[in-house]
PDB file of N, CA and C in Angstrom:
ATOM      1  N   MET A   1      42.064 -11.132  31.218  1.00  0.00           N
ATOM      2  CA  MET A   1      43.047 -10.301  30.540  1.00  0.00           C
ATOM      3  C   MET A   1      43.076 -10.619  29.050  1.00  0.00           C
ATOM      4  N   LEU A   2      43.080 -11.886  28.712  1.00  0.00           N
ATOM      5  CA  LEU A   2      43.136 -12.284  27.314  1.00  0.00           C
ATOM      6  C   LEU A   2      41.894 -11.803  26.562  1.00  0.00           C
ATOM      7  N   ARG A   3      40.731 -11.868  27.192  1.00  0.00           N
ATOM      8  CA  ARG A   3      39.501 -11.383  26.557  1.00  0.00           C
ATOM      9  C   ARG A   3      39.601  -9.894  26.264  1.00  0.00           C
ATOM     10  N   HIS A   4      40.165  -9.166  27.204  1.00  0.00           N
ATOM     11  CA  HIS A   4      40.326  -7.718  27.034  1.00  0.00           C
ATOM     12  C   HIS A   4      41.243  -7.421  25.850  1.00  0.00           C
ATOM     13  N   GLU A   5      42.355  -8.149  25.756  1.00  0.00           N
ATOM     14  CA  GLU A   5      43.292  -7.955  24.650  1.00  0.00           C
ATOM     15  C   GLU A   5      42.650  -8.321  23.321  1.00  0.00           C
ATOM     16  N   LYS A   6      41.871  -9.400  23.300  1.00  0.00           N
ATOM     17  CA  LYS A   6      41.177  -9.792  22.077  1.00  0.00           C
ATOM     18  C   LYS A   6      40.155  -8.736  21.683  1.00  0.00           C
ATOM     19  N   ALA A   7      39.476  -8.160  22.653  1.00  0.00           N
ATOM     20  CA  ALA A   7      38.495  -7.108  22.384  1.00  0.00           C
ATOM     21  C   ALA A   7      39.183  -5.869  21.817  1.00  0.00           C
ATOM     22  N   GLN A   8      40.333  -5.528  22.366  1.00  0.00           N
ATOM     23  CA  GLN A   8      41.087  -4.380  21.863  1.00  0.00           C
ATOM     24  C   GLN A   8      41.543  -4.630  20.431  1.00  0.00           C
ATOM     25  N   GLN A   9      42.031  -5.822  20.166  1.00  0.00           N
ATOM     26  CA  GLN A   9      42.483  -6.172  18.822  1.00  0.00           C
ATOM     27  C   GLN A   9      41.317  -6.116  17.847  1.00  0.00           C
ATOM     28  N   ALA A  10      40.163  -6.635  18.257  1.00  0.00           N
ATOM     29  CA  ALA A  10      38.980  -6.613  17.399  1.00  0.00           C
ATOM     30  C   ALA A  10      38.558  -5.170  17.113  1.00  0.00           C
ATOM     31  N   GLU A  11      38.661  -4.306  18.108  1.00  0.00           N
ATOM     32  CA  GLU A  11      38.302  -2.903  17.910  1.00  0.00           C
ATOM     33  C   GLU A  11      39.260  -2.227  16.939  1.00  0.00           C
ATOM     34  N   LYS A  12      40.545  -2.502  17.072  1.00  0.00           N
ATOM     35  CA  LYS A  12      41.530  -1.938  16.147  1.00  0.00           C
ATOM     36  C   LYS A  12      41.252  -2.391  14.718  1.00  0.00           C
ATOM     37  N   LEU A  13      40.932  -3.659  14.561  1.00  0.00           N
ATOM     38  CA  LEU A  13      40.626  -4.171  13.225  1.00  0.00           C
ATOM     39  C   LEU A  13      39.361  -3.529  12.670  1.00  0.00           C
ATOM     40  N   ALA A  14      38.371  -3.317  13.511  1.00  0.00           N
ATOM     41  CA  ALA A  14      37.130  -2.682  13.063  1.00  0.00           C
ATOM     42  C   ALA A  14      37.406  -1.255  12.602  1.00  0.00           C
ATOM     43  N   ILE A  15      38.235  -0.538  13.329  1.00  0.00           N
ATOM     44  CA  ILE A  15      38.598   0.833  12.949  1.00  0.00           C
ATOM     45  C   ILE A  15      39.332   0.819  11.617  1.00  0.00           C
ATOM     46  N   LEU A  16      40.280  -0.094  11.467  1.00  0.00           N
ATOM     47  CA  LEU A  16      41.044  -0.186  10.228  1.00  0.00           C
ATOM     48  C   LEU A  16      40.133  -0.529   9.052  1.00  0.00           C
ATOM     49  N   ARG A  17      39.222  -1.464   9.258  1.00  0.00           N
ATOM     50  CA  ARG A  17      38.276  -1.820   8.186  1.00  0.00           C
ATOM     51  C   ARG A  17      37.417  -0.612   7.793  1.00  0.00           C
ATOM     52  N   ARG A  18      36.956   0.124   8.804  1.00  0.00           N
ATOM     53  CA  ARG A  18      36.135   1.300   8.534  1.00  0.00           C
ATOM     54  C   ARG A  18      36.917   2.333   7.723  1.00  0.00           C
ATOM     55  N   GLU A  19      38.151   2.578   8.117  1.00  0.00           N
ATOM     56  CA  GLU A  19      38.973   3.563   7.415  1.00  0.00           C
ATOM     57  C   GLU A  19      39.268   3.117   5.982  1.00  0.00           C
ATOM     58  N   ILE A  20      39.523   1.847   5.795  1.00  0.00           N
ATOM     59  CA  ILE A  20      39.776   1.327   4.450  1.00  0.00           C
ATOM     60  C   ILE A  20      38.521   1.473   3.595  1.00  0.00           C
ATOM     61  N   SER A  21      37.376   1.183   4.180  1.00  0.00           N
ATOM     62  CA  SER A  21      36.114   1.320   3.455  1.00  0.00           C
ATOM     63  C   SER A  21      35.883   2.771   3.037  1.00  0.00           C
ATOM     64  N   ILE A  22      36.135   3.690   3.940  1.00  0.00           N
ATOM     65  CA  ILE A  22      35.986   5.116   3.632  1.00  0.00           C
ATOM     66  C   ILE A  22      36.923   5.502   2.494  1.00  0.00           C
ATOM     67  N   GLY A  23      38.152   5.024   2.565  1.00  0.00           N
ATOM     68  CA  GLY A  23      39.133   5.323   1.514  1.00  0.00           C
ATOM     69  C   GLY A  23      38.743   4.739   0.168  1.00  0.00           C
ATOM     70  N   ALA A  24      38.229   3.522   0.177  1.00  0.00           N
ATOM     71  CA  ALA A  24      37.802   2.882  -1.070  1.00  0.00           C
ATOM     72  C   ALA A  24      36.633   3.640  -1.692  1.00  0.00           C
ATOM     73  N   GLU A  25      35.681   4.049  -0.860  1.00  0.00           N
ATOM     74  CA  GLU A  25      34.544   4.817  -1.358  1.00  0.00           C
ATOM     75  C   GLU A  25      35.007   6.147  -1.956  1.00  0.00           C
ATOM     76  N   ALA A  26      35.944   6.798  -1.285  1.00  0.00           N
ATOM     77  CA  ALA A  26      36.462   8.073  -1.778  1.00  0.00           C
ATOM     78  C   ALA A  26      37.189   7.877  -3.109  1.00  0.00           C
ATOM     79  N   ALA A  27      37.994   6.831  -3.208  1.00  0.00           N
ATOM     80  CA  ALA A  27      38.724   6.559  -4.453  1.00  0.00           C
ATOM     81  C   ALA A  27      37.753   6.265  -5.592  1.00  0.00           C
ATOM     82  N   ASN A  28      36.718   5.512  -5.301  1.00  0.00           N
ATOM     83  CA  ASN A  28      35.718   5.209  -6.331  1.00  0.00           C
ATOM     84  C   ASN A  28      35.016   6.476  -6.814  1.00  0.00           C
ATOM     85  N   ALA A  29      34.912   7.461  -5.929  1.00  0.00           N
ATOM     86  CA  ALA A  29      34.283   8.728  -6.287  1.00  0.00           C
ATOM     87  C   ALA A  29      35.287   9.723  -6.880  1.00  0.00           C
ATOM     88  N   GLY A  30      36.550   9.303  -6.998  1.00  0.00           N
ATOM     89  CA  GLY A  30      37.566  10.170  -7.583  1.00  0.00           C
ATOM     90  C   GLY A  30      38.227  11.116  -6.603  1.00  0.00           C
ATOM     91  N   ARG A  31      38.009  10.911  -5.305  1.00  0.00           N
ATOM     92  CA  ARG A  31      38.634  11.757  -4.284  1.00  0.00           C
ATOM     93  C   ARG A  31      39.831  10.997  -3.701  1.00  0.00           C
ATOM     94  N   PHE A  32      40.984  11.623  -3.708  1.00  0.00           N
ATOM     95  CA  PHE A  32      42.184  10.977  -3.205  1.00  0.00           C
ATOM     96  C   PHE A  32      42.837  11.832  -2.122  1.00  0.00           C
ATOM     97  N   SER A  33      43.377  11.173  -1.111  1.00  0.00           N
ATOM     98  CA  SER A  33      44.046  11.863  -0.017  1.00  0.00           C
ATOM     99  C   SER A  33      45.519  12.054  -0.337  1.00  0.00           C
ATOM    100  N   LYS A  34      46.074  13.098   0.200  1.00  0.00           N
ATOM    101  CA  LYS A  34      47.515  13.324   0.057  1.00  0.00           C
ATOM    102  C   LYS A  34      48.284  12.680   1.213  1.00  0.00           C
ATOM    103  N   LYS A  35      47.550  12.060   2.146  1.00  0.00           N
ATOM    104  CA  LYS A  35      48.182  11.408   3.291  1.00  0.00           C
ATOM    105  C   LYS A  35      48.808  10.087   2.857  1.00  0.00           C
ATOM    106  N   SER A  36      49.925   9.749   3.488  1.00  0.00           N
ATOM    107  CA  SER A  36      50.550   8.454   3.235  1.00  0.00           C
ATOM    108  C   SER A  36      49.868   7.391   4.092  1.00  0.00           C
ATOM    109  N   VAL A  37      50.128   6.153   3.769  1.00  0.00           N
ATOM    110  CA  VAL A  37      49.584   5.051   4.564  1.00  0.00           C
ATOM    111  C   VAL A  37      50.069   5.178   6.008  1.00  0.00           C
ATOM    112  N   SER A  38      51.315   5.558   6.192  1.00  0.00           N
ATOM    113  CA  SER A  38      51.865   5.731   7.537  1.00  0.00           C
ATOM    114  C   SER A  38      51.128   6.827   8.305  1.00  0.00           C
ATOM    115  N   ASP A  39      50.809   7.929   7.623  1.00  0.00           N
ATOM    116  CA  ASP A  39      50.068   9.013   8.271  1.00  0.00           C
ATOM    117  C   ASP A  39      48.696   8.521   8.737  1.00  0.00           C
ATOM    118  N   ILE A  40      48.029   7.787   7.876  1.00  0.00           N
ATOM    119  CA  ILE A  40      46.698   7.277   8.214  1.00  0.00           C
ATOM    120  C   ILE A  40      46.790   6.290   9.362  1.00  0.00           C
ATOM    121  N   LEU A  41      47.775   5.398   9.331  1.00  0.00           N
ATOM    122  CA  LEU A  41      47.951   4.430  10.409  1.00  0.00           C
ATOM    123  C   LEU A  41      48.219   5.142  11.724  1.00  0.00           C
ATOM    124  N   ASP A  42      49.052   6.167  11.699  1.00  0.00           N
ATOM    125  CA  ASP A  42      49.334   6.936  12.915  1.00  0.00           C
ATOM    126  C   ASP A  42      48.051   7.534  13.490  1.00  0.00           C
ATOM    127  N   GLU A  43      47.199   8.076  12.619  1.00  0.00           N
ATOM    128  CA  GLU A  43      45.932   8.641  13.083  1.00  0.00           C
ATOM    129  C   GLU A  43      45.042   7.583  13.705  1.00  0.00           C
ATOM    130  N   VAL A  44      44.979   6.427  13.070  1.00  0.00           N
ATOM    131  CA  VAL A  44      44.138   5.333  13.584  1.00  0.00           C
ATOM    132  C   VAL A  44      44.655   4.890  14.948  1.00  0.00           C
ATOM    133  N   MET A  45      45.958   4.772  15.085  1.00  0.00           N
ATOM    134  CA  MET A  45      46.534   4.335  16.348  1.00  0.00           C
ATOM    135  C   MET A  45      46.288   5.377  17.451  1.00  0.00           C
ATOM    136  N   LEU A  46      46.287   6.648  17.092  1.00  0.00           N
ATOM    137  CA  LEU A  46      46.011   7.691  18.086  1.00  0.00           C
ATOM    138  C   LEU A  46      44.549   7.649  18.532  1.00  0.00           C
ATOM    139  N   GLU A  47      43.650   7.260  17.616  1.00  0.00           N
ATOM    140  CA  GLU A  47      42.227   7.210  17.944  1.00  0.00           C
ATOM    141  C   GLU A  47      41.857   5.973  18.759  1.00  0.00           C
ATOM    142  N   SER A  48      42.643   4.913  18.618  1.00  0.00           N
ATOM    143  CA  SER A  48      42.296   3.676  19.316  1.00  0.00           C
ATOM    144  C   SER A  48      42.650   3.798  20.801  1.00  0.00           C
ATOM    145  N   PRO A  49      41.870   3.129  21.650  1.00  0.00           N
ATOM    146  CA  PRO A  49      42.127   3.219  23.090  1.00  0.00           C
ATOM    147  C   PRO A  49      43.481   2.617  23.456  1.00  0.00           C
ATOM    148  N   LYS A  50      44.105   3.223  24.414  1.00  0.00           N
ATOM    149  CA  LYS A  50      45.402   2.716  24.909  1.00  0.00           C
ATOM    150  C   LYS A  50      45.164   1.537  25.815  1.00  0.00           C
ATOM    151  N   ARG A  51      46.177   0.702  25.954  1.00  0.00           N
ATOM    152  CA  ARG A  51      46.076  -0.472  26.844  1.00  0.00           C
ATOM    153  C   ARG A  51      46.220  -0.082  28.270  1.00  0.00           C
TER     154      ARG A  51
END
């Protein structure tokens, strides 16, 4: 059970890192989102697998 929870946590962190990287690349290119941090977090949480 603990391994499964650690795997889920690692996956969530990987998704968050990927999204942050995408956002940083977009900002460096001068593209900015109108979404709030909360909106983005909600989307990430919806995409991540449920327990």
